[in-house]
């Protein structure tokens, strides 16, 4: 394990398939257990971390806390709870940037995205890992499959999520049931197709992709890369302490825009290659005008699917 600071399970549902005749994505000795890296973005989560850390599986390889300039004792608490924790300071603002910074620091074989507010249950991590070991490239958490659920989602957010799901499934040929849920896991080699840029210097601002649209960007890019996606049932709890930064309308519109941009963007369009670990920079090639035009053109299909 590494330390220090650097900048009731139900059968899962297979959503997409790729040709896996070229062997396992991992080139590790037969029988070797995958090393699991858990990436946890934080902002003033000192009171929530004891709960989250206490439920982490004992065999986790590394825990990476990506801190967004917390003004409480988040970092000190993380170190006191787990001396081997790796602390990464994010260099811009927003969850998307935090995930990109955390992904760049990963040294394990499997990457797990885990929120720090107590809403995601770390005891479900073995479900996600098993889905990957069984052949998936990407294990997508869902609150809307048998065995999943939520004590936190409002009617408005559930309604918006359904429409965003339908839009994504029409645009990308997927069968997602929970596009906006952030509890996901994937093999480390998938980082190539995510094509995220952490940046190499500090900026006190949020760029496109740095917000809650990050889950949509990731979900669409693994779909475009034709990776094998499996949904894993997950239960979402209420946040334990503090308030969420999620804004239903603002972030819902960002997700909708992300769907349109990723539909015409090149990001994630290439197949992943085993052993390719490069994180390449990418910028959306779509403009807001082309995104709006695409949504308008696809609206009849989306509405027909919803009928």
Protein backbone atom coordinates (compact mmCIF):
# COMPACT_ATOMS: atom_id res chain seq x y z
CA UNK A 1 0.00 0.00 0.00
CA UNK A 2 1.18 3.52 -0.61
CA UNK A 3 0.93 6.70 1.39
CA UNK A 4 1.84 10.37 1.28
CA UNK A 5 0.54 13.39 -0.49
CA UNK A 6 0.52 14.03 -4.20
CA UNK A 7 -0.63 17.08 -5.90
CA UNK A 8 -27.79 -9.30 -0.65
CA UNK A 9 -26.31 -9.00 -4.17
CA UNK A 10 -28.43 -9.54 -7.28
CA UNK A 11 -27.34 -10.48 -10.71
CA UNK A 12 -26.09 -7.44 -12.64
CA UNK A 13 -27.55 -6.44 -15.96
CA UNK A 14 -25.30 -6.40 -19.00
CA UNK A 15 -25.85 -3.25 -21.05
CA UNK A 16 -23.29 -3.35 -23.82
CA UNK A 17 -20.72 -5.80 -25.13
CA UNK A 18 -17.37 -5.59 -26.83
CA UNK A 19 -15.12 -8.24 -28.36
CA UNK A 20 -13.18 -9.77 -25.47
CA UNK A 21 -11.46 -12.47 -27.51
CA UNK A 22 -8.12 -10.69 -27.05
CA UNK A 23 -7.88 -11.84 -23.39
CA UNK A 24 -8.31 -10.16 -20.04
CA UNK A 25 -7.74 -6.42 -19.68
CA UNK A 26 -5.30 -7.17 -16.87
CA UNK A 27 -1.93 -8.72 -17.55
CA UNK A 28 -1.47 -10.06 -14.03
CA UNK A 29 -0.48 -13.52 -12.77
CA UNK A 30 -3.31 -16.04 -12.82
CA UNK A 31 -5.25 -15.99 -9.57
CA UNK A 32 -3.85 -12.64 -8.44
CA UNK A 33 -6.42 -10.37 -6.82
CA UNK A 34 -6.89 -6.96 -8.42
CA UNK A 35 -5.65 -3.97 -6.46
CA UNK A 36 -8.56 -1.65 -5.71
CA UNK A 37 -8.04 2.12 -5.60
CA UNK A 38 -10.85 4.14 -4.04
CA UNK A 39 -11.03 7.79 -5.12
CA UNK A 40 -12.97 10.03 -2.72
CA UNK A 41 -13.52 13.72 -3.55
CA UNK A 42 -13.96 15.89 -0.45
CA UNK A 43 -14.93 19.40 0.51
CA UNK A 44 -15.51 19.99 4.23
CA UNK A 45 -16.33 16.34 4.95
CA UNK A 46 -14.47 15.94 8.26
CA UNK A 47 -17.61 14.82 10.11
CA UNK A 48 -18.55 12.27 7.42
CA UNK A 49 -15.19 10.59 6.86
CA UNK A 50 -15.21 8.47 10.07
CA UNK A 51 -18.40 6.76 8.88
CA UNK A 52 -17.16 6.28 5.31
CA UNK A 53 -13.70 5.04 6.24
CA UNK A 54 -15.07 2.60 8.85
CA UNK A 55 -17.06 0.78 6.15
CA UNK A 56 -14.27 0.44 3.58
CA UNK A 57 -13.28 -3.20 2.86
CA UNK A 58 -10.11 -4.20 4.63
CA UNK A 59 -8.43 -5.37 1.44
CA UNK A 60 -8.62 -2.03 -0.38
CA UNK A 61 -5.21 -1.34 -1.93
CA UNK A 62 -5.23 2.44 -1.65
CA UNK A 63 -7.54 5.27 -0.63
CA UNK A 64 -7.07 8.56 -2.46
CA UNK A 65 -8.76 11.60 -0.91
CA UNK A 66 -8.98 14.49 -3.35
CA UNK A 67 -9.56 17.66 -1.39
CA UNK A 68 -11.08 20.81 -2.84
CA UNK A 69 -9.61 23.36 -0.43
CA UNK A 70 -11.61 22.29 2.63
CA UNK A 71 -11.65 24.79 5.48
CA UNK A 72 -12.43 22.19 8.15
CA UNK A 73 -10.26 19.31 9.34
CA UNK A 74 -10.98 16.99 6.40
CA UNK A 75 -7.34 16.21 5.62
CA UNK A 76 -6.30 15.82 9.27
CA UNK A 77 -9.24 13.53 9.96
CA UNK A 78 -8.48 11.42 6.88
CA UNK A 79 -4.86 10.96 8.00
CA UNK A 80 -5.87 10.13 11.56
CA UNK A 81 -8.35 7.51 10.38
CA UNK A 82 -6.04 5.94 7.82
CA UNK A 83 -2.34 6.83 8.04
CA UNK A 84 -1.69 5.36 4.59
CA UNK A 85 -4.27 7.59 2.91
CA UNK A 86 -3.03 9.47 -0.14
CA UNK A 87 -3.99 13.14 -0.21
CA UNK A 88 -4.35 14.89 -3.55
CA UNK A 89 -5.12 18.61 -3.73
CA UNK A 90 -7.36 19.38 -6.65
CA UNK A 91 -6.19 22.24 -8.80
CA UNK A 92 -9.50 23.72 -9.93
CA UNK A 93 -13.03 23.65 -8.54
CA UNK A 94 -15.80 21.06 -8.88
CA UNK A 95 -16.32 17.33 -8.59
CA UNK A 96 -15.21 16.66 -12.15
CA UNK A 97 -11.81 18.20 -11.60
CA UNK A 98 -11.48 16.33 -8.29
CA UNK A 99 -12.12 13.01 -10.04
CA UNK A 100 -9.62 13.82 -12.81
CA UNK A 101 -6.94 14.69 -10.24
CA UNK A 102 -7.68 11.52 -8.29
CA UNK A 103 -7.64 9.32 -11.38
CA UNK A 104 -4.22 10.70 -12.33
CA UNK A 105 -2.85 9.49 -8.99
CA UNK A 106 -4.24 5.94 -9.17
CA UNK A 107 -1.74 3.07 -8.97
CA UNK A 108 -4.18 0.17 -8.57
CA UNK A 109 -5.89 -2.08 -11.11
CA UNK A 110 -9.50 -1.09 -10.36
CA UNK A 111 -10.78 2.44 -9.75
CA UNK A 112 -13.82 3.00 -7.53
CA UNK A 113 -15.58 6.38 -7.43
CA UNK A 114 -16.96 6.97 -3.92
CA UNK A 115 -18.65 10.04 -2.42
CA UNK A 116 -17.53 11.23 1.00
CA UNK A 117 -20.92 12.30 2.37
CA UNK A 118 -22.07 8.84 3.47
CA UNK A 119 -24.69 8.49 0.72
CA UNK A 120 -22.80 5.67 -1.01
CA UNK A 121 -22.17 2.48 0.95
CA UNK A 122 -18.52 1.37 0.82
CA UNK A 123 -19.66 -2.15 1.75
CA UNK A 124 -20.99 -2.43 -1.82
CA UNK A 125 -17.50 -2.14 -3.30
CA UNK A 126 -17.11 -5.96 -3.58
CA UNK A 127 -20.23 -6.01 -5.81
CA UNK A 128 -18.59 -3.62 -8.24
CA UNK A 129 -15.26 -5.45 -8.13
CA UNK A 130 -16.96 -8.79 -8.77
CA UNK A 131 -18.77 -7.39 -11.81
CA UNK A 132 -15.41 -6.31 -13.23
CA UNK A 133 -13.67 -9.59 -12.40
CA UNK A 134 -16.56 -11.40 -14.10
CA UNK A 135 -15.80 -9.61 -17.37
CA UNK A 136 -17.13 -6.07 -17.32
CA UNK A 137 -14.91 -3.12 -18.17
CA UNK A 138 -17.15 -0.64 -16.40
CA UNK A 139 -19.46 -1.32 -13.42
CA UNK A 140 -22.24 1.29 -13.36
CA UNK A 141 -24.09 1.78 -10.08
CA UNK A 142 -27.86 2.11 -10.30
CA UNK A 143 -30.54 2.97 -7.75
CA UNK A 144 -33.31 1.82 -10.10
CA UNK A 145 -32.62 -1.91 -10.50
CA UNK A 146 -33.71 -4.79 -8.29
CA UNK A 147 -31.64 -4.58 -5.14
CA UNK A 148 -31.04 -0.85 -5.45
CA UNK A 149 -32.89 2.17 -4.08
CA UNK A 150 -32.57 5.63 -2.59
CA UNK A 151 -33.50 7.39 0.63
CA UNK A 152 -32.30 10.71 -0.75
CA UNK A 153 -33.57 11.35 -4.29
CA UNK A 154 -36.53 13.72 -4.62
CA UNK A 155 -39.43 13.31 -7.04
CA UNK A 156 -38.13 16.18 -9.14
CA UNK A 157 -34.65 14.73 -9.39
CA UNK A 158 -36.03 11.25 -10.15
CA UNK A 159 -38.19 12.72 -12.94
CA UNK A 160 -35.24 14.61 -14.39
CA UNK A 161 -33.04 11.57 -14.18
CA UNK A 162 -35.57 9.49 -16.14
CA UNK A 163 -35.61 12.02 -18.96
CA UNK A 164 -31.84 12.30 -19.02
CA UNK A 165 -31.62 8.49 -19.10
CA UNK A 166 -33.95 8.35 -22.07
CA UNK A 167 -31.96 11.01 -23.88
CA UNK A 168 -28.67 9.23 -23.26
CA UNK A 169 -30.03 5.86 -24.34
CA UNK A 170 -31.33 7.29 -27.61
CA UNK A 171 -28.17 9.24 -28.35
CA UNK A 172 -25.66 6.53 -27.41
CA UNK A 173 -27.54 3.24 -27.86
CA UNK A 174 -27.20 2.32 -24.20
CA UNK A 175 -29.70 0.94 -21.68
CA UNK A 176 -28.73 2.92 -18.63
CA UNK A 177 -31.24 3.12 -15.80
CA UNK A 178 -29.41 5.68 -13.66
CA UNK A 179 -27.27 8.05 -15.71
CA UNK A 180 -26.60 10.56 -12.94
CA UNK A 181 -25.51 8.23 -10.12
CA UNK A 182 -21.86 8.71 -9.24
CA UNK A 183 -21.03 5.33 -7.66
CA UNK A 184 -19.12 3.52 -10.38
CA UNK A 185 -15.99 1.41 -10.85
CA UNK A 186 -13.79 0.43 -13.77
CA UNK A 187 -10.48 -1.16 -14.72
CA UNK A 188 -7.56 1.24 -14.68
CA UNK A 189 -6.95 0.74 -18.40
CA UNK A 190 -10.26 2.52 -19.08
CA UNK A 191 -8.70 5.83 -18.02
CA UNK A 192 -7.43 6.22 -21.57
CA UNK A 193 -10.89 6.44 -23.12
CA UNK A 194 -12.14 8.78 -20.39
CA UNK A 195 -9.66 11.28 -21.81
CA UNK A 196 -9.77 13.61 -18.81
CA UNK A 197 -7.39 16.45 -18.12
CA UNK A 198 -6.40 17.19 -14.54
CA UNK A 199 -4.23 20.16 -15.48
CA UNK A 200 -0.75 21.00 -14.31
CA UNK A 201 -1.31 24.27 -12.45
CA UNK A 202 -3.78 25.78 -10.01
CA UNK A 203 -6.78 27.79 -11.19
CA UNK A 204 -9.51 29.17 -8.98
CA UNK A 205 -12.26 28.45 -11.49
CA UNK A 206 -14.37 25.66 -12.95
CA UNK A 207 -13.87 24.57 -16.54
CA UNK A 208 -16.26 22.55 -18.67
CA UNK A 209 -16.33 19.00 -17.29
CA UNK A 210 -15.29 20.09 -13.80
CA UNK A 211 -18.84 19.96 -12.37
CA UNK A 212 -21.44 17.28 -11.71
CA UNK A 213 -21.61 16.60 -15.44
CA UNK A 214 -18.50 14.43 -14.95
CA UNK A 215 -20.58 11.27 -14.44
CA UNK A 216 -22.37 11.86 -17.75
CA UNK A 217 -19.10 12.48 -19.56
CA UNK A 218 -17.65 9.25 -18.18
CA UNK A 219 -20.80 7.23 -18.94
CA UNK A 220 -21.01 8.46 -22.52
CA UNK A 221 -17.33 7.96 -23.25
CA UNK A 222 -17.24 4.35 -22.08
CA UNK A 223 -20.30 3.79 -24.28
CA UNK A 224 -18.65 5.37 -27.31
CA UNK A 225 -15.57 3.23 -26.73
CA UNK A 226 -17.83 0.15 -26.83
CA UNK A 227 -16.62 -1.09 -23.48
CA UNK A 228 -18.57 -3.83 -21.71
CA UNK A 229 -20.86 -2.07 -19.23
CA UNK A 230 -22.68 -3.82 -16.42
CA UNK A 231 -25.13 -2.19 -14.02
CA UNK A 232 -24.74 -2.98 -10.32
CA UNK A 233 -27.66 -2.40 -7.89
CA UNK A 234 -26.81 0.17 -5.22
CA UNK A 235 -28.66 1.86 -2.37
CA UNK A 236 -28.25 5.57 -1.82
CA UNK A 237 -28.54 6.92 1.72
CA UNK A 238 -29.11 10.49 2.82
CA UNK A 239 -26.06 12.67 3.34
CA UNK A 240 -25.03 12.39 7.00
CA UNK A 241 -23.70 15.89 7.70
CA UNK A 242 -23.61 19.10 5.70
CA UNK A 243 -25.40 20.18 2.56
CA UNK A 244 -25.02 19.00 -1.00
CA UNK A 245 -23.66 21.35 -3.66
CA UNK A 246 -25.98 19.77 -6.25
CA UNK A 247 -28.47 22.14 -7.84
CA UNK A 248 -31.26 20.26 -9.62
CA UNK A 249 -31.92 22.68 -12.47
CA UNK A 250 -28.44 24.10 -13.00
CA UNK A 251 -26.71 20.74 -12.92
CA UNK A 252 -29.50 19.05 -14.85
CA UNK A 253 -28.94 21.50 -17.70
CA UNK A 254 -25.19 20.86 -17.54
CA UNK A 255 -25.88 17.13 -17.88
CA UNK A 256 -28.17 17.75 -20.87
CA UNK A 257 -25.53 19.88 -22.51
CA UNK A 258 -22.92 17.19 -21.80
CA UNK A 259 -25.07 14.62 -23.61
CA UNK A 260 -25.27 16.82 -26.68
CA UNK A 261 -21.58 17.72 -26.69
CA UNK A 262 -20.42 14.15 -26.13
CA UNK A 263 -22.68 12.96 -28.96
CA UNK A 264 -20.52 14.85 -31.47
CA UNK A 265 -17.28 15.04 -29.49
CA UNK A 266 -14.38 12.71 -30.30
CA UNK A 267 -13.65 12.00 -26.63
CA UNK A 268 -13.89 8.29 -25.82
CA UNK A 269 -14.48 7.30 -29.46
CA UNK A 270 -11.43 5.05 -29.70
CA UNK A 271 -11.13 1.50 -28.36
CA UNK A 272 -9.09 0.98 -25.25
CA UNK A 273 -5.82 -0.90 -25.47
CA UNK A 274 -4.42 -3.02 -22.67
CA UNK A 275 -1.60 -1.34 -20.81
CA UNK A 276 -2.33 2.14 -22.24
CA UNK A 277 -2.20 4.47 -19.24
CA UNK A 278 -1.88 7.88 -20.89
CA UNK A 279 -4.32 10.56 -19.79
CA UNK A 280 -4.75 12.73 -22.82
CA UNK A 281 -6.15 16.22 -22.82
CA UNK A 282 -9.33 16.87 -24.73
CA UNK A 283 -11.64 19.79 -25.28
CA UNK A 284 -15.20 19.60 -26.60
CA UNK A 285 -15.27 20.13 -30.33
CA UNK A 286 -18.98 20.91 -30.22
CA UNK A 287 -20.38 24.39 -29.65
CA UNK A 288 -23.53 25.24 -27.68
CA UNK A 289 -25.25 25.90 -31.01
CA UNK A 290 -24.43 22.47 -32.42
CA UNK A 291 -25.41 20.87 -29.13
CA UNK A 292 -28.81 22.56 -29.18
CA UNK A 293 -29.32 21.62 -32.84
CA UNK A 294 -28.53 18.00 -32.09
CA UNK A 295 -30.97 17.87 -29.18
CA UNK A 296 -33.68 19.42 -31.33
CA UNK A 297 -33.07 16.83 -34.08
CA UNK A 298 -33.16 13.92 -31.62
CA UNK A 299 -36.16 15.14 -29.58
CA UNK A 300 -38.79 13.21 -31.64
CA UNK A 301 -36.89 9.94 -31.06
CA UNK A 302 -36.55 10.64 -27.35
CA UNK A 303 -40.25 11.48 -27.01
CA UNK A 304 -41.24 8.42 -29.06
CA UNK A 305 -39.19 6.18 -26.79
CA UNK A 306 -40.87 7.73 -23.75
CA UNK A 307 -44.38 7.26 -25.09
